[in-house]
């Protein structure tokens, strides 16, 4: 892609598949996507993302939960929460 960005979908990390991994310059960015209602428990989704981050040796990742059924406006649907783990990793829940 332009600018040296590489986007990998279903990135195999040895024990599972991260939904999206973006490689840019020397960084990797892990994104796990879930549909609201199908994402299992929030804790399970965060554990899954944490595993991918740990396996890929990255300190920052994103859990994106899409709510296709909500009648809210876009402004009401979009939220952002940043969690810091005891391992000094940063997880953004969008």
C-alpha atoms as a PDB file:
ATOM      1  CA  UNK A   1       0.000   0.000   0.000  1.00  0.00           C
ATOM      2  CA  UNK A   2       0.999   3.625  -0.263  1.00  0.00           C
ATOM      3  CA  UNK A   3       3.447   4.846   2.345  1.00  0.00           C
ATOM      4  CA  UNK A   4       4.764   1.393   3.215  1.00  0.00           C
ATOM      5  CA  UNK A   5       1.671   0.233   5.127  1.00  0.00           C
ATOM      6  CA  UNK A   6       0.899  -3.482   5.098  1.00  0.00           C
ATOM      7  CA  UNK A   7      -2.543  -4.684   6.218  1.00  0.00           C
ATOM      8  CA  UNK A   8      -2.947  -8.352   7.051  1.00  0.00           C
ATOM      9  CA  UNK A   9      -6.365  -9.860   7.710  1.00  0.00           C
ATOM     10  CA  UNK A  10      -6.622 -13.046   9.745  1.00  0.00           C
ATOM     11  CA  UNK A  11      -3.002 -12.822  10.862  1.00  0.00           C
ATOM     12  CA  UNK A  12      -1.872 -16.229  12.161  1.00  0.00           C
ATOM     13  CA  UNK A  13       0.052 -15.888  15.404  1.00  0.00           C
ATOM     14  CA  UNK A  14       0.621 -19.565  16.113  1.00  0.00           C
ATOM     15  CA  UNK A  15      -2.352 -20.215  18.372  1.00  0.00           C
ATOM     16  CA  UNK A  16      -5.089 -18.227  16.644  1.00  0.00           C
ATOM     17  CA  UNK A  17      -5.848 -15.490  14.146  1.00  0.00           C
ATOM     18  CA  UNK A  18      -5.946 -11.776  14.872  1.00  0.00           C
ATOM     19  CA  UNK A  19      -8.592 -10.104  12.699  1.00  0.00           C
ATOM     20  CA  UNK A  20      -6.367  -7.294  11.414  1.00  0.00           C
ATOM     21  CA  UNK A  21      -2.694  -6.474  11.862  1.00  0.00           C
ATOM     22  CA  UNK A  22      -1.380  -3.244  10.382  1.00  0.00           C
ATOM     23  CA  UNK A  23       2.374  -3.034   9.881  1.00  0.00           C
ATOM     24  CA  UNK A  24       3.792   0.450   9.404  1.00  0.00           C
ATOM     25  CA  UNK A  25       7.480   1.225   9.494  1.00  0.00           C
ATOM     26  CA  UNK A  26       8.745  -0.597  12.592  1.00  0.00           C
ATOM     27  CA  UNK A  27       5.363  -0.863  14.339  1.00  0.00           C
ATOM     28  CA  UNK A  28       2.586  -3.446  14.390  1.00  0.00           C
ATOM     29  CA  UNK A  29      -0.975  -2.574  15.353  1.00  0.00           C
ATOM     30  CA  UNK A  30      -3.441  -5.328  16.313  1.00  0.00           C
ATOM     31  CA  UNK A  31      -7.189  -4.858  15.785  1.00  0.00           C
ATOM     32  CA  UNK A  32      -9.770  -7.408  16.942  1.00  0.00           C
ATOM     33  CA  UNK A  33     -13.319  -6.863  15.688  1.00  0.00           C
ATOM     34  CA  UNK A  34     -16.560  -8.195  17.158  1.00  0.00           C
ATOM     35  CA  UNK A  35     -20.254  -7.760  16.396  1.00  0.00           C
ATOM     36  CA  UNK A  36     -22.220  -6.633  19.431  1.00  0.00           C
ATOM     37  CA  UNK A  37     -24.209  -9.597  20.638  1.00  0.00           C
ATOM     38  CA  UNK A  38     -21.726 -12.048  19.094  1.00  0.00           C
ATOM     39  CA  UNK A  39     -18.597 -10.907  20.878  1.00  0.00           C
ATOM     40  CA  UNK A  40     -18.949 -13.287  23.820  1.00  0.00           C
ATOM     41  CA  UNK A  41     -18.045 -11.716  27.093  1.00  0.00           C
ATOM     42  CA  UNK A  42     -16.084  -8.491  27.071  1.00  0.00           C
ATOM     43  CA  UNK A  43     -13.453 -10.145  29.263  1.00  0.00           C
ATOM     44  CA  UNK A  44     -13.028 -13.007  26.746  1.00  0.00           C
ATOM     45  CA  UNK A  45     -12.643 -10.520  23.883  1.00  0.00           C
ATOM     46  CA  UNK A  46     -10.062  -8.509  25.824  1.00  0.00           C
ATOM     47  CA  UNK A  47      -8.182 -11.699  26.761  1.00  0.00           C
ATOM     48  CA  UNK A  48      -8.127 -12.731  23.103  1.00  0.00           C
ATOM     49  CA  UNK A  49      -6.740  -9.354  22.042  1.00  0.00           C
ATOM     50  CA  UNK A  50      -4.197  -9.374  24.877  1.00  0.00           C
ATOM     51  CA  UNK A  51      -2.976 -12.804  23.727  1.00  0.00           C
ATOM     52  CA  UNK A  52      -2.420 -11.519  20.173  1.00  0.00           C
ATOM     53  CA  UNK A  53      -0.645  -8.414  21.467  1.00  0.00           C
ATOM     54  CA  UNK A  54       1.583 -10.533  23.693  1.00  0.00           C
ATOM     55  CA  UNK A  55       2.357 -12.974  20.877  1.00  0.00           C
ATOM     56  CA  UNK A  56       3.252 -10.150  18.461  1.00  0.00           C
ATOM     57  CA  UNK A  57       5.218  -8.225  21.131  1.00  0.00           C
ATOM     58  CA  UNK A  58       3.144  -5.048  20.819  1.00  0.00           C
ATOM     59  CA  UNK A  59       2.099  -2.667  23.593  1.00  0.00           C
ATOM     60  CA  UNK A  60      -1.075  -1.226  22.006  1.00  0.00           C
ATOM     61  CA  UNK A  61      -4.170  -2.823  20.489  1.00  0.00           C
ATOM     62  CA  UNK A  62      -7.782  -2.098  19.573  1.00  0.00           C
ATOM     63  CA  UNK A  63     -10.998  -3.989  20.269  1.00  0.00           C
ATOM     64  CA  UNK A  64     -13.664  -2.694  17.885  1.00  0.00           C
ATOM     65  CA  UNK A  65     -17.261  -3.698  18.701  1.00  0.00           C
ATOM     66  CA  UNK A  66     -19.807  -2.927  15.971  1.00  0.00           C
ATOM     67  CA  UNK A  67     -23.493  -2.535  16.909  1.00  0.00           C
ATOM     68  CA  UNK A  68     -25.504  -2.959  13.703  1.00  0.00           C
ATOM     69  CA  UNK A  69     -28.893  -3.048  15.449  1.00  0.00           C
ATOM     70  CA  UNK A  70     -28.816   0.146  17.475  1.00  0.00           C
ATOM     71  CA  UNK A  71     -31.126   3.000  16.480  1.00  0.00           C
ATOM     72  CA  UNK A  72     -28.744   5.555  17.971  1.00  0.00           C
ATOM     73  CA  UNK A  73     -27.165   8.263  15.848  1.00  0.00           C
ATOM     74  CA  UNK A  74     -23.518   7.812  14.839  1.00  0.00           C
ATOM     75  CA  UNK A  75     -22.495  10.226  17.579  1.00  0.00           C
ATOM     76  CA  UNK A  76     -24.341   8.085  20.118  1.00  0.00           C
ATOM     77  CA  UNK A  77     -22.910   4.825  18.800  1.00  0.00           C
ATOM     78  CA  UNK A  78     -19.237   5.724  18.866  1.00  0.00           C
ATOM     79  CA  UNK A  79     -17.484   5.434  22.206  1.00  0.00           C
ATOM     80  CA  UNK A  80     -13.803   5.189  23.101  1.00  0.00           C
ATOM     81  CA  UNK A  81     -12.308   3.745  26.258  1.00  0.00           C
ATOM     82  CA  UNK A  82      -8.607   3.172  26.907  1.00  0.00           C
ATOM     83  CA  UNK A  83      -7.542   0.477  29.346  1.00  0.00           C
ATOM     84  CA  UNK A  84      -4.073   0.076  30.826  1.00  0.00           C
ATOM     85  CA  UNK A  85      -3.056  -3.445  31.805  1.00  0.00           C
ATOM     86  CA  UNK A  86      -0.756  -4.425  34.672  1.00  0.00           C
ATOM     87  CA  UNK A  87       1.747  -5.462  31.972  1.00  0.00           C
ATOM     88  CA  UNK A  88       1.873  -1.811  30.804  1.00  0.00           C
ATOM     89  CA  UNK A  89      -0.099  -2.482  27.622  1.00  0.00           C
ATOM     90  CA  UNK A  90      -2.731  -0.103  26.259  1.00  0.00           C
ATOM     91  CA  UNK A  91      -6.020  -1.437  24.864  1.00  0.00           C
ATOM     92  CA  UNK A  92      -8.518   0.861  23.137  1.00  0.00           C
ATOM     93  CA  UNK A  93     -12.146  -0.304  23.118  1.00  0.00           C
ATOM     94  CA  UNK A  94     -14.107   1.427  20.377  1.00  0.00           C
END
